[in-house]
C-alpha atoms as a PDB file:
ATOM      1  CA  MET A   1       1.226  18.814  30.257  1.00  0.00           C
ATOM      2  CA  ASN A   2       0.795  16.928  27.003  1.00  0.00           C
ATOM      3  CA  GLU A   3       0.539  18.924  23.815  1.00  0.00           C
ATOM      4  CA  PRO A   4      -2.839  18.569  22.051  1.00  0.00           C
ATOM      5  CA  LEU A   5      -2.933  15.577  19.712  1.00  0.00           C
ATOM      6  CA  ARG A   6      -2.904  16.647  16.076  1.00  0.00           C
ATOM      7  CA  ILE A   7      -5.751  14.731  14.402  1.00  0.00           C
ATOM      8  CA  LEU A   8      -6.372  13.924  10.747  1.00  0.00           C
ATOM      9  CA  ILE A   9      -9.746  12.519   9.677  1.00  0.00           C
ATOM     10  CA  ALA A  10      -9.954  10.403   6.513  1.00  0.00           C
ATOM     11  CA  ASP A  11     -13.462   9.330   5.534  1.00  0.00           C
ATOM     12  CA  ASP A  12     -15.292   9.597   2.220  1.00  0.00           C
ATOM     13  CA  GLU A  13     -18.602  10.454   3.924  1.00  0.00           C
ATOM     14  CA  ALA A  14     -18.974  14.084   5.033  1.00  0.00           C
ATOM     15  CA  PRO A  15     -21.517  13.259   7.810  1.00  0.00           C
ATOM     16  CA  ALA A  16     -19.035  10.789   9.330  1.00  0.00           C
ATOM     17  CA  ARG A  17     -16.304  13.449   9.327  1.00  0.00           C
ATOM     18  CA  THR A  18     -18.688  15.958  10.908  1.00  0.00           C
ATOM     19  CA  ARG A  19     -19.598  13.506  13.668  1.00  0.00           C
ATOM     20  CA  LEU A  20     -15.941  12.794  14.452  1.00  0.00           C
ATOM     21  CA  LYS A  21     -15.183  16.514  14.631  1.00  0.00           C
ATOM     22  CA  ALA A  22     -18.046  17.024  17.074  1.00  0.00           C
ATOM     23  CA  LEU A  23     -16.866  14.117  19.222  1.00  0.00           C
ATOM     24  CA  LEU A  24     -13.294  15.418  19.215  1.00  0.00           C
ATOM     25  CA  ALA A  25     -14.604  18.745  20.513  1.00  0.00           C
ATOM     26  CA  ASP A  26     -16.631  16.935  23.186  1.00  0.00           C
ATOM     27  CA  ILE A  27     -13.608  15.024  24.561  1.00  0.00           C
ATOM     28  CA  ALA A  28     -11.092  17.874  24.229  1.00  0.00           C
ATOM     29  CA  GLY A  29     -11.118  18.393  27.995  1.00  0.00           C
ATOM     30  CA  GLU A  30     -10.189  14.751  28.608  1.00  0.00           C
ATOM     31  CA  VAL A  31      -7.932  14.301  25.578  1.00  0.00           C
ATOM     32  CA  PRO A  32      -6.655  17.662  24.273  1.00  0.00           C
ATOM     33  CA  ASN A  33      -6.673  17.622  20.483  1.00  0.00           C
ATOM     34  CA  ARG A  34      -6.815  19.806  17.406  1.00  0.00           C
ATOM     35  CA  LEU A  35      -7.903  18.940  13.881  1.00  0.00           C
ATOM     36  CA  VAL A  36      -5.173  19.457  11.273  1.00  0.00           C
ATOM     37  CA  GLY A  37      -7.018  18.214   8.199  1.00  0.00           C
ATOM     38  CA  GLU A  38      -9.778  16.227   6.539  1.00  0.00           C
ATOM     39  CA  ALA A  39      -9.530  13.863   3.575  1.00  0.00           C
ATOM     40  CA  GLY A  40     -12.049  11.957   1.502  1.00  0.00           C
ATOM     41  CA  ASN A  41      -9.716   9.082   0.601  1.00  0.00           C
ATOM     42  CA  GLY A  42      -6.238   7.715   1.222  1.00  0.00           C
ATOM     43  CA  LEU A  43      -4.586   9.676  -1.578  1.00  0.00           C
ATOM     44  CA  GLU A  44      -5.826  12.970  -0.153  1.00  0.00           C
ATOM     45  CA  ALA A  45      -4.766  11.892   3.342  1.00  0.00           C
ATOM     46  CA  LEU A  46      -1.197  11.150   2.271  1.00  0.00           C
ATOM     47  CA  ALA A  47      -0.905  14.541   0.567  1.00  0.00           C
ATOM     48  CA  LEU A  48      -2.201  16.281   3.688  1.00  0.00           C
ATOM     49  CA  ILE A  49       0.153  14.421   6.017  1.00  0.00           C
ATOM     50  CA  GLU A  50       3.160  15.491   3.955  1.00  0.00           C
ATOM     51  CA  SER A  51       2.216  19.155   4.343  1.00  0.00           C
ATOM     52  CA  GLU A  52       0.617  19.046   7.803  1.00  0.00           C
ATOM     53  CA  PRO A  53       2.052  16.487  10.267  1.00  0.00           C
ATOM     54  CA  ALA A  54      -0.436  14.614  12.426  1.00  0.00           C
ATOM     55  CA  ASP A  55      -0.129  12.511  15.569  1.00  0.00           C
ATOM     56  CA  VAL A  56      -3.214  10.365  14.928  1.00  0.00           C
ATOM     57  CA  ALA A  57      -5.139   9.546  11.754  1.00  0.00           C
ATOM     58  CA  LEU A  58      -8.748   8.427  12.161  1.00  0.00           C
ATOM     59  CA  VAL A  59      -9.113   6.349   9.015  1.00  0.00           C
ATOM     60  CA  ASP A  60     -12.208   4.801   7.480  1.00  0.00           C
ATOM     61  CA  ILE A  61     -11.435   1.347   6.121  1.00  0.00           C
ATOM     62  CA  ARG A  62     -13.616   1.566   3.015  1.00  0.00           C
ATOM     63  CA  MET A  63     -12.869   4.596   0.820  1.00  0.00           C
ATOM     64  CA  PRO A  64     -12.653   5.106  -2.965  1.00  0.00           C
ATOM     65  CA  ARG A  65      -9.366   5.503  -4.896  1.00  0.00           C
ATOM     66  CA  MET A  66      -7.321   4.340  -1.883  1.00  0.00           C
ATOM     67  CA  ASP A  67      -8.886   2.620   1.113  1.00  0.00           C
ATOM     68  CA  GLY A  68      -7.830   2.913   4.729  1.00  0.00           C
ATOM     69  CA  VAL A  69      -5.813  -0.298   4.833  1.00  0.00           C
ATOM     70  CA  GLU A  70      -3.710   0.693   1.834  1.00  0.00           C
ATOM     71  CA  LEU A  71      -3.205   4.130   3.362  1.00  0.00           C
ATOM     72  CA  ALA A  72      -1.933   2.527   6.577  1.00  0.00           C
ATOM     73  CA  ARG A  73       0.465   0.329   4.608  1.00  0.00           C
ATOM     74  CA  HIS A  74       1.980   3.387   2.925  1.00  0.00           C
ATOM     75  CA  LEU A  75       2.229   5.246   6.224  1.00  0.00           C
ATOM     76  CA  ARG A  76       4.390   2.449   7.626  1.00  0.00           C
ATOM     77  CA  GLY A  77       7.183   3.635   5.334  1.00  0.00           C
ATOM     78  CA  MET A  78       6.904   7.303   6.286  1.00  0.00           C
ATOM     79  CA  GLU A  79       9.124   8.853   8.930  1.00  0.00           C
ATOM     80  CA  GLY A  80       7.077  10.523  11.659  1.00  0.00           C
ATOM     81  CA  ALA A  81       3.845   8.985  10.376  1.00  0.00           C
ATOM     82  CA  PRO A  82       0.735   9.346  12.531  1.00  0.00           C
ATOM     83  CA  ALA A  83      -0.700   6.546  14.603  1.00  0.00           C
ATOM     84  CA  VAL A  84      -3.614   4.895  12.805  1.00  0.00           C
ATOM     85  CA  VAL A  85      -7.029   4.283  14.348  1.00  0.00           C
ATOM     86  CA  PHE A  86      -9.422   2.615  11.932  1.00  0.00           C
ATOM     87  CA  THR A  87     -13.124   3.445  11.793  1.00  0.00           C
ATOM     88  CA  THR A  88     -15.534   0.967  10.239  1.00  0.00           C
ATOM     89  CA  ALA A  89     -19.209   0.156   9.962  1.00  0.00           C
ATOM     90  CA  TYR A  90     -18.359  -3.514   9.371  1.00  0.00           C
ATOM     91  CA  ASP A  91     -17.907  -5.574  12.500  1.00  0.00           C
ATOM     92  CA  GLN A  92     -16.273  -8.484  10.641  1.00  0.00           C
ATOM     93  CA  TYR A  93     -13.079  -6.444  10.383  1.00  0.00           C
ATOM     94  CA  ALA A  94     -12.847  -6.225  14.143  1.00  0.00           C
ATOM     95  CA  VAL A  95     -13.600  -9.887  14.594  1.00  0.00           C
ATOM     96  CA  GLN A  96     -11.176 -11.248  12.032  1.00  0.00           C
ATOM     97  CA  ALA A  97      -8.180  -8.977  12.173  1.00  0.00           C
ATOM     98  CA  PHE A  98      -7.699  -6.674  15.141  1.00  0.00           C
ATOM     99  CA  ASP A  99      -5.513  -8.467  17.608  1.00  0.00           C
ATOM    100  CA  LEU A 100      -3.900  -7.847  20.978  1.00  0.00           C
ATOM    101  CA  ASN A 101      -3.035  -4.154  20.989  1.00  0.00           C
ATOM    102  CA  ALA A 102      -1.625  -4.272  17.441  1.00  0.00           C
ATOM    103  CA  VAL A 103      -4.113  -1.670  16.255  1.00  0.00           C
ATOM    104  CA  ASP A 104      -7.288  -0.025  17.467  1.00  0.00           C
ATOM    105  CA  TYR A 105     -10.576   0.471  15.680  1.00  0.00           C
ATOM    106  CA  LEU A 106     -13.807   2.356  16.205  1.00  0.00           C
ATOM    107  CA  LEU A 107     -17.079   0.765  15.184  1.00  0.00           C
ATOM    108  CA  LYS A 108     -19.547   3.231  13.668  1.00  0.00           C
ATOM    109  CA  PRO A 109     -21.507   5.022  14.990  1.00  0.00           C
ATOM    110  CA  VAL A 110     -18.510   6.158  17.024  1.00  0.00           C
ATOM    111  CA  ARG A 111     -19.105   6.959  20.693  1.00  0.00           C
ATOM    112  CA  ALA A 112     -17.194   9.595  22.653  1.00  0.00           C
ATOM    113  CA  PRO A 113     -15.812   7.258  25.386  1.00  0.00           C
ATOM    114  CA  ARG A 114     -14.430   4.835  22.766  1.00  0.00           C
ATOM    115  CA  LEU A 115     -12.878   7.674  20.789  1.00  0.00           C
ATOM    116  CA  ALA A 116     -11.162   8.983  23.922  1.00  0.00           C
ATOM    117  CA  GLU A 117      -9.908   5.482  24.738  1.00  0.00           C
ATOM    118  CA  ALA A 118      -8.574   4.995  21.201  1.00  0.00           C
ATOM    119  CA  LEU A 119      -6.733   8.312  21.226  1.00  0.00           C
ATOM    120  CA  GLN A 120      -5.120   7.507  24.561  1.00  0.00           C
ATOM    121  CA  LYS A 121      -4.064   4.148  23.197  1.00  0.00           C
ATOM    122  CA  ALA A 122      -2.693   5.794  20.054  1.00  0.00           C
ATOM    123  CA  ARG A 123      -0.081   7.533  22.190  1.00  0.00           C
ATOM    124  CA  ARG A 124       1.376   4.087  22.924  1.00  0.00           C
ATOM    125  CA  VAL A 125       0.749   2.122  19.708  1.00  0.00           C
ATOM    126  CA  ALA A 126       2.038   4.012  16.688  1.00  0.00           C
ATOM    127  CA  GLN A 127       1.475   1.687  13.751  1.00  0.00           C
ATOM    128  CA  PRO A 128      -0.411  -1.540  13.032  1.00  0.00           C
ATOM    129  CA  SER A 129       1.857  -4.419  12.137  1.00  0.00           C
ATOM    130  CA  ARG A 130       2.492  -5.380   8.518  1.00  0.00           C
ATOM    131  CA  GLU A 131       0.921  -8.776   9.204  1.00  0.00           C
ATOM    132  CA  THR A 132      -2.257  -7.215  10.608  1.00  0.00           C
ATOM    133  CA  LEU A 133      -2.623  -4.958   7.581  1.00  0.00           C
ATOM    134  CA  GLU A 134      -2.125  -7.879   5.207  1.00  0.00           C
ATOM    135  CA  ARG A 135      -4.877  -9.817   6.978  1.00  0.00           C
ATOM    136  CA  LEU A 136      -7.165  -6.789   6.847  1.00  0.00           C
ATOM    137  CA  SER A 137      -6.689  -6.195   3.151  1.00  0.00           C
ATOM    138  CA  SER A 138      -9.317  -7.787   0.944  1.00  0.00           C
ATOM    139  CA  GLU A 139      -7.625  -6.809  -2.317  1.00  0.00           C
ATOM    140  CA  ALA A 140      -4.230  -5.965  -3.754  1.00  0.00           C
ATOM    141  CA  ARG A 141      -2.914  -2.432  -3.378  1.00  0.00           C
ATOM    142  CA  ARG A 142      -3.407   0.021  -6.222  1.00  0.00           C
ATOM    143  CA  HIS A 143      -0.114   1.767  -5.484  1.00  0.00           C
ATOM    144  CA  LEU A 144       3.342   0.905  -4.192  1.00  0.00           C
ATOM    145  CA  SER A 145       5.074   3.468  -1.999  1.00  0.00           C
ATOM    146  CA  VAL A 146       8.646   4.631  -2.472  1.00  0.00           C
ATOM    147  CA  SER A 147      10.617   6.671   0.044  1.00  0.00           C
ATOM    148  CA  GLU A 148      12.599   9.234  -1.906  1.00  0.00           C
ATOM    149  CA  ARG A 149      14.319  12.365  -0.567  1.00  0.00           C
ATOM    150  CA  GLY A 150      12.249  12.296   2.591  1.00  0.00           C
ATOM    151  CA  ARG A 151       8.949  11.984   0.724  1.00  0.00           C
ATOM    152  CA  ILE A 152       6.601   9.117  -0.046  1.00  0.00           C
ATOM    153  CA  LEU A 153       6.010   8.664  -3.779  1.00  0.00           C
ATOM    154  CA  LEU A 154       3.079   6.548  -4.925  1.00  0.00           C
ATOM    155  CA  VAL A 155       3.650   4.373  -7.997  1.00  0.00           C
ATOM    156  CA  PRO A 156       0.442   3.051  -9.601  1.00  0.00           C
ATOM    157  CA  VAL A 157       0.714  -0.718  -9.907  1.00  0.00           C
ATOM    158  CA  SER A 158      -0.959  -0.431 -13.315  1.00  0.00           C
ATOM    159  CA  ASP A 159       2.076   1.551 -14.554  1.00  0.00           C
ATOM    160  CA  ILE A 160       4.666  -1.031 -13.513  1.00  0.00           C
ATOM    161  CA  LEU A 161       6.022  -3.110 -16.398  1.00  0.00           C
ATOM    162  CA  TYR A 162       8.311  -5.335 -14.370  1.00  0.00           C
ATOM    163  CA  LEU A 163       9.724  -5.889 -10.875  1.00  0.00           C
ATOM    164  CA  LYS A 164      13.299  -7.032 -10.469  1.00  0.00           C
ATOM    165  CA  ALA A 165      15.099  -8.072  -7.273  1.00  0.00           C
ATOM    166  CA  GLU A 166      18.574  -6.600  -6.901  1.00  0.00           C
ATOM    167  CA  LEU A 167      20.499  -7.076  -3.659  1.00  0.00           C
ATOM    168  CA  LYS A 168      18.115  -6.150  -0.801  1.00  0.00           C
ATOM    169  CA  TYR A 169      15.836  -3.957  -2.922  1.00  0.00           C
ATOM    170  CA  VAL A 170      13.303  -4.504  -5.679  1.00  0.00           C
ATOM    171  CA  THR A 171      13.354  -2.247  -8.735  1.00  0.00           C
ATOM    172  CA  ALA A 172       9.953  -1.309 -10.144  1.00  0.00           C
ATOM    173  CA  ARG A 173      10.211  -0.258 -13.809  1.00  0.00           C
ATOM    174  CA  THR A 174       7.622   1.939 -15.441  1.00  0.00           C
ATOM    175  CA  ALA A 175       7.744   3.404 -18.937  1.00  0.00           C
ATOM    176  CA  ALA A 176       9.115   6.616 -17.419  1.00  0.00           C
ATOM    177  CA  ARG A 177      11.720   5.520 -14.857  1.00  0.00           C
ATOM    178  CA  GLU A 178      12.850   3.093 -12.146  1.00  0.00           C
ATOM    179  CA  PHE A 179      11.846   3.131  -8.475  1.00  0.00           C
ATOM    180  CA  LEU A 180      13.501   1.325  -5.559  1.00  0.00           C
ATOM    181  CA  LEU A 181      11.105  -0.581  -3.298  1.00  0.00           C
ATOM    182  CA  ASP A 182      11.860  -1.889   0.154  1.00  0.00           C
ATOM    183  CA  GLU A 183       9.687  -4.957  -0.380  1.00  0.00           C
ATOM    184  CA  SER A 184      10.066  -8.680  -0.946  1.00  0.00           C
ATOM    185  CA  LEU A 185       9.676  -9.955  -4.508  1.00  0.00           C
ATOM    186  CA  THR A 186       8.007 -13.077  -3.121  1.00  0.00           C
ATOM    187  CA  HIS A 187       5.392 -11.033  -1.263  1.00  0.00           C
ATOM    188  CA  LEU A 188       4.785  -8.885  -4.330  1.00  0.00           C
ATOM    189  CA  GLU A 189       4.287 -12.009  -6.430  1.00  0.00           C
ATOM    190  CA  GLN A 190       1.719 -13.342  -3.967  1.00  0.00           C
ATOM    191  CA  GLU A 191      -0.176 -10.060  -3.696  1.00  0.00           C
ATOM    192  CA  PHE A 192      -0.230  -9.325  -7.427  1.00  0.00           C
ATOM    193  CA  ALA A 193      -0.428 -12.846  -8.845  1.00  0.00           C
ATOM    194  CA  ALA A 194      -3.203 -11.819 -11.237  1.00  0.00           C
ATOM    195  CA  ARG A 195      -1.109  -9.044 -12.770  1.00  0.00           C
ATOM    196  CA  PHE A 196       2.495 -10.324 -12.844  1.00  0.00           C
ATOM    197  CA  VAL A 197       4.105 -13.544 -13.995  1.00  0.00           C
ATOM    198  CA  ARG A 198       7.514 -14.714 -12.815  1.00  0.00           C
ATOM    199  CA  VAL A 199       9.977 -14.982 -15.697  1.00  0.00           C
ATOM    200  CA  HIS A 200      13.067 -15.627 -13.602  1.00  0.00           C
ATOM    201  CA  ARG A 201      13.878 -16.189  -9.948  1.00  0.00           C
ATOM    202  CA  ASN A 202      14.598 -12.458  -9.616  1.00  0.00           C
ATOM    203  CA  CYS A 203      12.029 -10.934 -11.975  1.00  0.00           C
ATOM    204  CA  LEU A 204       8.246 -10.516 -12.374  1.00  0.00           C
ATOM    205  CA  VAL A 205       6.737  -9.081 -15.554  1.00  0.00           C
ATOM    206  CA  ALA A 206       3.289  -7.544 -15.998  1.00  0.00           C
ATOM    207  CA  ARG A 207       1.287  -9.892 -18.193  1.00  0.00           C
ATOM    208  CA  GLU A 208      -0.087  -6.980 -20.215  1.00  0.00           C
ATOM    209  CA  ALA A 209       3.447  -5.668 -20.847  1.00  0.00           C
ATOM    210  CA  ILE A 210       4.615  -8.790 -22.701  1.00  0.00           C
ATOM    211  CA  ALA A 211       4.930  -7.871 -26.378  1.00  0.00           C
ATOM    212  CA  GLY A 212       6.591 -11.076 -27.554  1.00  0.00           C
ATOM    213  CA  PHE A 213       9.715 -13.219 -27.319  1.00  0.00           C
ATOM    214  CA  GLU A 214      12.994 -13.712 -29.075  1.00  0.00           C
ATOM    215  CA  LYS A 215      15.793 -16.241 -28.792  1.00  0.00           C
ATOM    216  CA  GLY A 216      18.937 -15.186 -26.954  1.00  0.00           C
ATOM    217  CA  VAL A 217      22.193 -16.767 -25.875  1.00  0.00           C
ATOM    218  CA  ALA A 218      23.319 -16.812 -22.250  1.00  0.00           C
ATOM    219  CA  GLU A 219      26.910 -16.258 -21.096  1.00  0.00           C
ATOM    220  CA  ASP A 220      27.424 -20.011 -20.946  1.00  0.00           C
ATOM    221  CA  GLY A 221      26.420 -20.277 -24.587  1.00  0.00           C
ATOM    222  CA  GLU A 222      23.049 -21.889 -23.875  1.00  0.00           C
ATOM    223  CA  ALA A 223      20.080 -20.610 -25.883  1.00  0.00           C
ATOM    224  CA  HIS A 224      17.126 -19.180 -23.964  1.00  0.00           C
ATOM    225  CA  TRP A 225      14.083 -17.005 -24.480  1.00  0.00           C
ATOM    226  CA  LEU A 226      13.931 -13.257 -23.861  1.00  0.00           C
ATOM    227  CA  VAL A 227      10.748 -11.341 -23.044  1.00  0.00           C
ATOM    228  CA  LEU A 228      10.108  -8.291 -25.237  1.00  0.00           C
ATOM    229  CA  LEU A 229       8.252  -5.474 -23.491  1.00  0.00           C
ATOM    230  CA  ALA A 230       5.698  -3.043 -24.855  1.00  0.00           C
ATOM    231  CA  GLY A 231       7.096   0.487 -24.690  1.00  0.00           C
ATOM    232  CA  LEU A 232      10.561  -0.447 -23.460  1.00  0.00           C
ATOM    233  CA  PRO A 233      13.758  -1.652 -25.185  1.00  0.00           C
ATOM    234  CA  ASP A 234      14.582  -3.911 -22.206  1.00  0.00           C
ATOM    235  CA  LYS A 235      14.795  -7.643 -22.924  1.00  0.00           C
ATOM    236  CA  LEU A 236      14.413  -9.892 -19.909  1.00  0.00           C
ATOM    237  CA  PRO A 237      15.702 -13.476 -19.790  1.00  0.00           C
ATOM    238  CA  VAL A 238      13.230 -16.255 -19.120  1.00  0.00           C
ATOM    239  CA  SER A 239      14.457 -19.227 -17.116  1.00  0.00           C
ATOM    240  CA  ARG A 240      13.815 -22.710 -18.483  1.00  0.00           C
ATOM    241  CA  ARG A 241      11.758 -23.489 -15.391  1.00  0.00           C
ATOM    242  CA  GLN A 242       9.454 -20.487 -15.880  1.00  0.00           C
ATOM    243  CA  TRP A 243       9.092 -20.687 -19.666  1.00  0.00           C
ATOM    244  CA  PRO A 244       5.829 -22.731 -19.741  1.00  0.00           C
ATOM    245  CA  ALA A 245       4.090 -20.290 -17.369  1.00  0.00           C
ATOM    246  CA  VAL A 246       5.384 -17.247 -19.234  1.00  0.00           C
ATOM    247  CA  LYS A 247       4.312 -18.642 -22.594  1.00  0.00           C
ATOM    248  CA  ALA A 248       0.852 -19.404 -21.205  1.00  0.00           C
ATOM    249  CA  ALA A 249       0.582 -15.871 -19.758  1.00  0.00           C
ATOM    250  CA  PHE A 250       1.314 -14.438 -23.181  1.00  0.00           C
ATOM    251  CA  ALA A 251      -1.745 -16.345 -24.417  1.00  0.00           C
ATOM    252  CA  GLY A 252      -0.899 -16.333 -28.095  1.00  0.00           C
ATOM    253  CA  GLY A 253      -0.022 -12.641 -28.278  1.00  0.00           C
ATOM    254  CA  GLY A 254       2.904 -13.336 -30.593  1.00  0.00           C
ATOM    255  CA  GLU A 255       4.951 -16.046 -32.230  1.00  0.00           C
ATOM    256  CA  VAL A 256       7.318 -18.163 -30.146  1.00  0.00           C
END
């Protein structure tokens, strides 16, 4: 006999959480389950999952602080993460992005038969694909997730001063420390184009972090510009190809 599914509910509206709990109780005979936690946003859900493992997360797409899509993207990097079933009051999400068993969704108001069907499906489909989540997302993430010592750390994008590709990882530098990301620099550039500017083929710098420039000399003796960063002693080389874009991003914030 299957063990009861451990269920986490993440929804910023208390009535929606109450309805899901009632429905879970109604279908417990058909799909044995037990509630392990409730969260009002993605940040709370991640904290709960670290302390109380879940098999399935019923996740509202639109939530404050961290929405359901961003939550699902962070869960993809977590070992033993729950399967994700989205809940939404907006039918356009279902029409535009949910494809061929990649992920399931429940349209509000949720009905008991559909909830039972989604939970049964969740036993087979653990995580939505990265591509599906990218299509679902209407805005850039507010956090990047880092797997460190078996935990998921969330790094606010607003704290990141630069992103630098090194071997197969990307280093995210904040004023406090460095974090290793298992992400593509190209994808990060596309997602956060409004925040970061490419200074070199292997480096993106936050526009707001640029404090100025100074002339430097490369190993081959050729002169080039270096980016000076607010709050950090690091000086990052600017390639000749990227210099016009970097200078424009600085927007007259210093002398060059």
